[in-house]
N, C-alpha and C. Protein backbone atom coordinates (compact mmCIF):
# COMPACT_ATOMS: atom_id res chain seq x y z
N UNK A 1 0.83 -1.11 -0.42
CA UNK A 1 0.09 0.09 0.09
C UNK A 1 0.77 1.03 0.21
N UNK A 2 2.07 1.55 0.72
CA UNK A 2 3.39 2.44 0.96
C UNK A 2 3.54 2.88 -0.56
N UNK A 3 4.01 2.08 -1.57
CA UNK A 3 3.88 2.16 -2.60
C UNK A 3 3.04 2.73 -3.47
N UNK A 4 2.27 1.84 -3.46
CA UNK A 4 0.85 2.51 -4.24
C UNK A 4 0.72 4.32 -3.36
N UNK A 5 0.81 4.29 -2.34
CA UNK A 5 0.73 5.94 -2.15
C UNK A 5 1.46 6.81 -3.12
N UNK A 6 2.75 6.10 -3.11
CA UNK A 6 3.50 6.93 -3.03
C UNK A 6 4.01 7.37 -4.95
N UNK A 7 3.21 6.33 -5.59
CA UNK A 7 3.05 6.54 -6.85
C UNK A 7 1.82 7.66 -7.05
N UNK A 8 0.90 7.89 -6.04
CA UNK A 8 -0.35 9.09 -6.44
C UNK A 8 0.85 9.98 -5.74
N UNK A 9 1.28 9.91 -4.46
CA UNK A 9 1.91 11.12 -4.75
C UNK A 9 3.43 11.80 -5.85
N UNK A 10 3.74 11.15 -6.17
CA UNK A 10 4.80 11.37 -7.57
C UNK A 10 4.21 12.01 -9.03
N UNK A 11 3.13 10.96 -8.84
CA UNK A 11 1.69 11.60 -9.81
C UNK A 11 1.62 13.42 -9.70
N UNK A 12 0.80 13.46 -8.32
CA UNK A 12 0.42 14.71 -8.49
C UNK A 12 1.89 15.62 -8.14
N UNK A 13 2.50 15.49 -8.47
CA UNK A 13 4.17 16.57 -7.84
C UNK A 13 3.77 16.67 -9.25
N UNK A 14 3.94 15.72 -10.23
CA UNK A 14 4.11 15.97 -12.21
C UNK A 14 2.52 16.29 -12.58
N UNK A 15 1.85 16.44 -12.24
CA UNK A 15 0.38 16.49 -12.76
C UNK A 15 0.86 18.28 -12.76
N UNK A 16 1.19 18.94 -11.49
CA UNK A 16 0.75 19.94 -11.18
C UNK A 16 2.17 20.79 -11.92
N UNK A 17 3.11 20.58 -12.30
CA UNK A 17 4.00 21.09 -12.99
C UNK A 17 3.48 20.83 -14.42
N UNK A 18 2.74 19.72 -15.33
CA UNK A 18 2.69 20.04 -16.39
C UNK A 18 1.54 21.05 -16.70
N UNK A 19 0.47 21.02 -15.58
CA UNK A 19 -0.83 22.34 -15.40
C UNK A 19 0.13 23.52 -15.37
N UNK A 20 1.07 23.63 -14.48
CA UNK A 20 1.64 25.05 -14.66
C UNK A 20 2.41 25.64 -15.87
N UNK A 21 3.32 24.37 -16.45
CA UNK A 21 3.90 24.57 -17.67
C UNK A 21 3.55 24.97 -18.89
N UNK A 22 2.06 24.31 -19.03
CA UNK A 22 0.98 24.19 -20.29
C UNK A 22 0.42 25.63 -19.67
N UNK A 23 -0.06 25.84 -18.98
CA UNK A 23 -1.12 26.98 -19.03
C UNK A 23 -1.32 28.08 -20.21
N UNK A 24 0.22 28.38 -20.29
CA UNK A 24 0.48 29.24 -21.73
C UNK A 24 1.09 28.82 -22.76
N UNK A 25 0.94 28.23 -22.61
CA UNK A 25 1.61 27.15 -24.89
C UNK A 25 0.62 26.53 -25.10
N UNK A 26 0.37 26.96 -26.72
CA UNK A 26 0.14 26.70 -27.54
C UNK A 26 -0.29 25.74 -28.38
N UNK A 27 -1.16 24.54 -28.24
CA UNK A 27 -0.15 23.13 -28.95
C UNK A 27 -1.79 22.86 -30.18
N UNK A 28 -0.82 22.23 -31.25
CA UNK A 28 -1.72 22.36 -32.58
C UNK A 28 -1.93 20.29 -32.66
N UNK A 29 -2.86 20.46 -32.74
CA UNK A 29 -3.00 18.83 -32.46
C UNK A 29 -4.42 18.34 -33.76
N UNK A 30 -4.83 17.11 -34.21
CA UNK A 30 -5.73 17.07 -35.11
C UNK A 30 -6.05 15.69 -34.72
N UNK A 31 -7.27 14.68 -34.91
CA UNK A 31 -7.41 13.37 -34.94
C UNK A 31 -6.85 12.94 -35.93
N UNK A 32 -6.65 11.64 -35.61
CA UNK A 32 -5.91 10.84 -36.28
C UNK A 32 -4.57 10.83 -35.68
N UNK A 33 -3.89 11.74 -34.85
CA UNK A 33 -2.48 11.63 -34.46
C UNK A 33 -2.71 10.83 -33.43
N UNK A 34 -1.05 10.03 -33.49
CA UNK A 34 -0.61 9.59 -32.00
C UNK A 34 0.47 10.58 -31.06
N UNK A 35 -0.05 10.81 -30.01
CA UNK A 35 0.57 11.65 -29.26
C UNK A 35 1.29 11.44 -28.00
N UNK A 36 1.83 11.37 -27.38
CA UNK A 36 2.57 11.01 -26.27
C UNK A 36 1.80 11.71 -25.26
N UNK A 37 0.78 11.46 -23.97
CA UNK A 37 0.39 12.43 -22.93
C UNK A 37 0.88 12.15 -21.85
N UNK A 38 0.60 12.63 -20.49
CA UNK A 38 1.03 12.46 -19.63
C UNK A 38 -0.68 11.90 -18.83
N UNK A 39 -0.58 11.01 -18.84
CA UNK A 39 -2.38 10.03 -18.66
C UNK A 39 -2.31 9.84 -16.81
N UNK A 40 -0.88 9.85 -16.25
CA UNK A 40 -0.60 9.82 -15.20
C UNK A 40 -0.94 8.43 -14.49
N UNK A 41 -0.70 8.44 -13.44
CA UNK A 41 -1.72 6.86 -12.39
C UNK A 41 -3.44 7.08 -12.14
N UNK A 42 -4.00 6.55 -12.72
CA UNK A 42 -5.15 5.97 -12.62
C UNK A 42 -5.83 5.31 -11.32
N UNK A 43 -6.84 5.11 -11.75
CA UNK A 43 -7.54 4.45 -9.75
C UNK A 43 -8.15 2.88 -10.82
N UNK A 44 -7.95 2.24 -10.34
CA UNK A 44 -8.49 1.19 -10.19
C UNK A 44 -7.69 0.10 -11.78
N UNK A 45 -8.60 -0.31 -12.79
CA UNK A 45 -8.22 -0.34 -13.84
C UNK A 45 -8.05 0.26 -14.86
N UNK A 46 -8.16 1.50 -14.83
CA UNK A 46 -8.06 2.86 -15.54
C UNK A 46 -7.08 2.42 -16.37
N UNK A 47 -6.11 3.14 -17.64
CA UNK A 47 -4.98 2.72 -18.03
C UNK A 47 -4.20 3.67 -17.62
N UNK A 48 -2.55 3.54 -17.03
CA UNK A 48 -2.03 4.45 -16.27
C UNK A 48 -0.91 4.90 -17.30
N UNK A 49 -0.50 6.04 -17.19
CA UNK A 49 0.83 6.03 -17.82
C UNK A 49 1.57 5.42 -17.31
N UNK A 50 2.94 5.25 -18.54
CA UNK A 50 3.93 4.33 -18.34
C UNK A 50 5.33 4.82 -17.06
N UNK A 51 5.48 3.73 -16.44
CA UNK A 51 7.25 4.51 -15.94
C UNK A 51 6.94 5.55 -15.25
N UNK A 52 7.70 6.05 -14.63
CA UNK A 52 7.92 7.07 -13.53
C UNK A 52 7.64 8.36 -14.27
N UNK A 53 7.36 8.04 -15.13
CA UNK A 53 6.96 9.97 -16.24
C UNK A 53 5.71 9.75 -16.22
N UNK A 54 5.12 8.62 -16.34
CA UNK A 54 3.35 8.09 -16.23
C UNK A 54 2.78 9.11 -17.39
N UNK A 55 3.65 8.31 -18.76
CA UNK A 55 3.57 9.12 -20.04
C UNK A 55 2.91 7.41 -20.54
N UNK A 56 2.13 7.40 -22.21
CA UNK A 56 1.31 6.87 -22.43
C UNK A 56 0.67 7.48 -23.86
N UNK A 57 1.34 6.38 -25.05
CA UNK A 57 0.58 7.72 -26.10
C UNK A 57 -0.74 7.00 -26.01
N UNK A 58 -1.41 7.49 -26.77
CA UNK A 58 -3.16 7.64 -27.21
C UNK A 58 -2.98 8.01 -28.80
N UNK A 59 -4.15 7.58 -29.08
CA UNK A 59 -4.94 7.99 -30.47
C UNK A 59 -5.58 9.39 -30.27
N UNK A 60 -5.96 10.25 -31.26
CA UNK A 60 -6.92 11.45 -30.52
C UNK A 60 -8.33 11.18 -31.67
N UNK A 61 -8.86 10.67 -31.22
CA UNK A 61 -10.07 9.96 -31.69
C UNK A 61 -11.13 11.56 -33.02
N UNK A 62 -11.34 12.17 -31.79
CA UNK A 62 -11.88 13.90 -32.10
C UNK A 62 -11.43 14.94 -31.23
N UNK A 63 -11.43 15.64 -32.43
CA UNK A 63 -11.25 17.31 -31.26
C UNK A 63 -11.98 17.80 -30.96
N UNK A 64 -12.61 18.21 -29.71
CA UNK A 64 -13.88 19.01 -29.53
C UNK A 64 -13.72 20.53 -29.72
N UNK A 65 -12.68 21.11 -29.30
CA UNK A 65 -12.20 22.67 -29.39
C UNK A 65 -10.64 22.23 -29.25
N UNK A 66 -10.43 23.65 -28.62
CA UNK A 66 -8.59 23.91 -28.98
C UNK A 66 -8.07 23.67 -27.35
N UNK A 67 -8.65 23.39 -26.76
CA UNK A 67 -8.64 22.99 -25.19
C UNK A 67 -8.93 21.40 -24.90
N UNK A 68 -10.16 20.43 -25.54
CA UNK A 68 -9.94 19.12 -25.36
C UNK A 68 -10.19 18.37 -26.55
N UNK A 69 -9.91 16.75 -26.31
CA UNK A 69 -10.23 16.10 -26.87
C UNK A 69 -10.35 14.80 -26.31
N UNK A 70 -11.10 14.20 -27.56
CA UNK A 70 -11.38 12.19 -26.97
C UNK A 70 -10.03 11.34 -27.36
N UNK A 71 -10.13 10.55 -26.48
CA UNK A 71 -8.67 9.90 -26.84
C UNK A 71 -8.48 8.62 -26.65
N UNK A 72 -7.76 7.25 -27.09
CA UNK A 72 -8.04 6.22 -26.89
C UNK A 72 -6.32 5.81 -26.53
N UNK A 73 -5.85 5.02 -25.27
CA UNK A 73 -4.47 4.82 -25.45
C UNK A 73 -4.24 3.86 -25.32
N UNK A 74 -2.95 3.44 -26.19
CA UNK A 74 -2.34 2.43 -27.20
C UNK A 74 -1.65 1.73 -25.97
N UNK A 75 -1.82 0.55 -26.51
CA UNK A 75 -0.45 -0.40 -25.80
C UNK A 75 -0.24 -1.49 -26.74
N UNK A 76 1.30 -2.76 -26.31
CA UNK A 76 1.47 -3.08 -27.61
C UNK A 76 1.27 -4.49 -26.50
N UNK A 77 0.95 -4.34 -25.90
CA UNK A 77 0.34 -5.72 -25.15
C UNK A 77 -1.21 -6.25 -25.92
N UNK A 78 -1.01 -6.99 -26.88
CA UNK A 78 -2.08 -7.09 -27.59
C UNK A 78 -2.84 -8.31 -26.62
N UNK A 79 -4.14 -7.71 -27.02
CA UNK A 79 -4.67 -8.73 -26.25
C UNK A 79 -6.11 -9.13 -27.43
N UNK A 80 -7.28 -10.43 -26.96
CA UNK A 80 -8.20 -10.49 -27.90
C UNK A 80 -9.81 -10.27 -27.51
N UNK A 81 -9.64 -8.92 -26.11
CA UNK A 81 -10.94 -8.78 -26.22
C UNK A 81 -11.85 -8.15 -27.00
N UNK A 82 -13.02 -8.11 -27.60
CA UNK A 82 -13.47 -7.34 -28.45
C UNK A 82 -13.14 -5.86 -28.05
N UNK A 83 -12.93 -5.36 -26.68
CA UNK A 83 -12.97 -4.19 -26.74
C UNK A 83 -11.22 -3.56 -27.00
N UNK A 84 -10.44 -4.60 -27.71
CA UNK A 84 -9.08 -4.30 -27.76
C UNK A 84 -9.13 -3.94 -29.81
N UNK A 85 -8.53 -2.66 -30.50
CA UNK A 85 -8.44 -2.78 -31.59
C UNK A 85 -6.85 -2.87 -32.11
N UNK A 86 -6.76 -3.27 -33.17
CA UNK A 86 -5.58 -3.17 -33.39
C UNK A 86 -5.25 -2.07 -34.68
N UNK A 87 -4.47 -0.90 -35.02
CA UNK A 87 -4.32 -0.10 -35.41
C UNK A 87 -2.58 -0.38 -36.51
N UNK A 88 -2.62 0.49 -37.41
CA UNK A 88 -1.15 -0.07 -38.09
C UNK A 88 -0.77 1.02 -37.63
N UNK A 89 1.07 0.77 -37.20
CA UNK A 89 2.05 1.90 -36.96
C UNK A 89 3.04 1.78 -37.89
N UNK A 90 4.27 2.57 -38.06
CA UNK A 90 5.06 2.54 -38.66
C UNK A 90 6.12 0.82 -38.76
N UNK A 91 6.40 0.54 -39.86
CA UNK A 91 7.04 -0.40 -40.05
C UNK A 91 8.15 -0.50 -39.56
N UNK A 92 8.65 -1.79 -38.83
CA UNK A 92 9.79 -1.83 -38.29
C UNK A 92 9.21 -1.98 -36.30
N UNK A 93 7.86 -0.91 -36.17
CA UNK A 93 7.95 -1.09 -34.73
C UNK A 93 7.00 -1.92 -34.33
N UNK A 94 7.00 -2.20 -33.00
CA UNK A 94 5.77 -3.35 -32.35
C UNK A 94 4.58 -3.14 -32.85
N UNK A 95 3.50 -4.04 -32.35
CA UNK A 95 2.49 -3.89 -33.28
C UNK A 95 1.28 -2.74 -32.15
N UNK A 96 0.80 -2.35 -32.32
CA UNK A 96 0.20 -1.40 -30.59
C UNK A 96 -1.74 -1.84 -31.22
N UNK A 97 -2.42 -1.87 -30.29
CA UNK A 97 -3.98 -1.98 -30.42
C UNK A 97 -4.30 -0.84 -29.41
N UNK A 98 -5.07 0.07 -29.50
CA UNK A 98 -5.81 0.93 -29.57
C UNK A 98 -6.77 0.27 -28.19
N UNK A 99 -7.16 0.64 -26.78
CA UNK A 99 -7.78 -0.06 -26.30
C UNK A 99 -9.09 0.86 -26.16
N UNK A 100 -10.27 0.39 -26.60
CA UNK A 100 -11.30 1.12 -27.08
C UNK A 100 -12.51 1.38 -25.89
N UNK A 101 -11.76 0.48 -25.38
CA UNK A 101 -12.97 0.24 -23.20
C UNK A 101 -12.57 1.78 -22.82
N UNK A 102 -11.21 2.24 -22.83
CA UNK A 102 -10.23 3.35 -22.24
C UNK A 102 -10.41 4.32 -22.57
N UNK A 103 -11.48 4.37 -23.63
CA UNK A 103 -11.25 5.96 -24.32
C UNK A 103 -12.03 6.98 -23.40
N UNK A 104 -11.58 8.23 -22.89
CA UNK A 104 -11.88 9.31 -23.06
C UNK A 104 -11.23 11.07 -22.76
N UNK A 105 -11.81 11.93 -22.29
CA UNK A 105 -11.54 13.29 -22.73
C UNK A 105 -10.40 13.56 -21.93
N UNK A 106 -9.89 14.40 -22.44
CA UNK A 106 -8.59 14.97 -21.87
C UNK A 106 -8.08 16.19 -22.20
N UNK A 107 -7.67 16.94 -21.41
CA UNK A 107 -7.30 18.30 -21.61
C UNK A 107 -6.15 18.31 -22.47
N UNK A 108 -5.76 18.88 -23.30
CA UNK A 108 -4.45 19.32 -24.18
C UNK A 108 -3.03 20.07 -23.43
N UNK A 109 -3.41 19.78 -22.08
CA UNK A 109 -2.11 20.47 -20.85
C UNK A 109 -1.85 19.11 -21.14
N UNK A 110 -2.49 17.98 -21.21
CA UNK A 110 -1.86 16.70 -21.48
C UNK A 110 -1.01 16.19 -21.62
N UNK A 111 -1.41 16.78 -23.74
CA UNK A 111 -0.36 16.44 -24.86
C UNK A 111 1.17 16.74 -24.47
N UNK A 112 2.14 15.75 -24.76
CA UNK A 112 3.41 16.22 -24.46
C UNK A 112 4.36 16.17 -26.07
N UNK A 113 4.17 15.73 -27.31
CA UNK A 113 4.70 15.20 -28.21
C UNK A 113 3.91 14.07 -29.61
N UNK A 114 4.05 14.80 -30.25
CA UNK A 114 3.38 14.39 -31.38
C UNK A 114 4.39 13.58 -32.09
N UNK A 115 3.77 12.20 -31.80
CA UNK A 115 4.60 10.92 -32.71
C UNK A 115 4.60 10.83 -34.34
N UNK A 116 3.18 10.53 -34.78
CA UNK A 116 3.03 10.71 -36.00
C UNK A 116 1.28 10.56 -36.26
N UNK A 117 0.66 10.74 -37.35
CA UNK A 117 -0.62 10.59 -38.10
C UNK A 117 -0.98 9.41 -38.82
N UNK A 118 -1.92 8.50 -37.89
CA UNK A 118 -2.36 7.09 -38.80
C UNK A 118 -3.00 8.08 -40.14
N UNK A 119 -3.22 6.93 -40.72
CA UNK A 119 -3.94 6.67 -42.23
C UNK A 119 -5.73 6.82 -42.29
N UNK A 120 -6.12 8.00 -42.82
CA UNK A 120 -7.62 7.88 -42.26
C UNK A 120 -8.39 6.28 -42.29
N UNK A 121 -8.42 5.30 -43.00
CA UNK A 121 -8.92 4.45 -43.25
C UNK A 121 -8.38 3.77 -41.61
N UNK A 122 -7.54 3.93 -41.48
CA UNK A 122 -7.11 2.92 -40.02
C UNK A 122 -8.06 4.25 -38.45
N UNK A 123 -8.25 5.08 -38.87
CA UNK A 123 -8.91 5.83 -38.13
C UNK A 123 -10.42 5.39 -37.89
N UNK A 124 -10.59 5.35 -39.22
CA UNK A 124 -12.06 5.39 -39.73
C UNK A 124 -12.68 3.66 -38.94
N UNK A 125 -11.18 2.62 -38.69
CA UNK A 125 -11.58 1.09 -38.58
C UNK A 125 -12.02 1.81 -36.88
N UNK A 126 -10.97 2.31 -36.14
CA UNK A 126 -11.00 2.57 -34.74
C UNK A 126 -12.36 3.43 -34.61
N UNK A 127 -12.57 4.31 -34.80
CA UNK A 127 -14.09 4.79 -35.20
C UNK A 127 -14.83 3.96 -34.93
N UNK A 128 -15.24 2.84 -36.24
CA UNK A 128 -16.21 2.30 -36.28
C UNK A 128 -15.97 1.19 -35.20
N UNK A 129 -15.18 0.70 -34.53
CA UNK A 129 -14.90 -0.32 -33.56
C UNK A 129 -15.30 0.37 -32.07
N UNK A 130 -15.38 1.59 -32.18
CA UNK A 130 -15.46 2.20 -30.92
C UNK A 130 -17.55 2.37 -31.20
N UNK A 131 -17.96 3.16 -31.74
CA UNK A 131 -19.90 3.20 -31.98
C UNK A 131 -19.94 1.67 -31.68
N UNK A 132 -19.65 0.61 -32.45
CA UNK A 132 -20.28 -0.78 -32.58
C UNK A 132 -20.11 -1.02 -31.33
N UNK A 133 -19.41 -0.83 -30.46
CA UNK A 133 -19.02 -1.40 -29.50
C UNK A 133 -20.16 -0.65 -28.14
N UNK A 134 -19.99 0.97 -28.08
CA UNK A 134 -20.42 1.31 -27.11
C UNK A 134 -21.82 2.71 -27.53
N UNK A 135 -22.25 1.96 -29.20
CA UNK A 135 -23.67 3.12 -29.36
C UNK A 135 -24.74 2.19 -29.52
C-alpha cells in the first residue's frame, strides 16, 4: 500500500508541473494523430501512464475544441477481447492496439509530443469499432 501511495504522490507532483507549464503553451493537434501524453496514475483498472514519468501514447479520435479532445490509449500488450482494436504503426515498430474501452476526454495540457498521424482508413476503423461497441 505504501508503494501505491508513493506513486500517487509522485503523479500529483508531476500533474501540477504539467498544469503550470502548459498554461500558456499553444498546442496544435488533429484527429488521427498519435501523441505521447501525461496520462498519470489512475484508479482501479484505468490505464496508467508508463514508468516514472506516467506517459503513454494515445490516438486522438475527436478534437472538441482547442482545449479538449477524446483519446484512446495505445499499448503493445495485444489481447483478444473485443474492446481492444489493432491499428497500424510505422514499419519496424512493435504492433500496437488501441484499447477502446479506456477512451476518455482529456485536456490538451496532457499532450507532450506528437509521434505521427495514422491513415484515415485506420482511424475510421477504430472509430467504427468504438461506435459498434458503445453506441
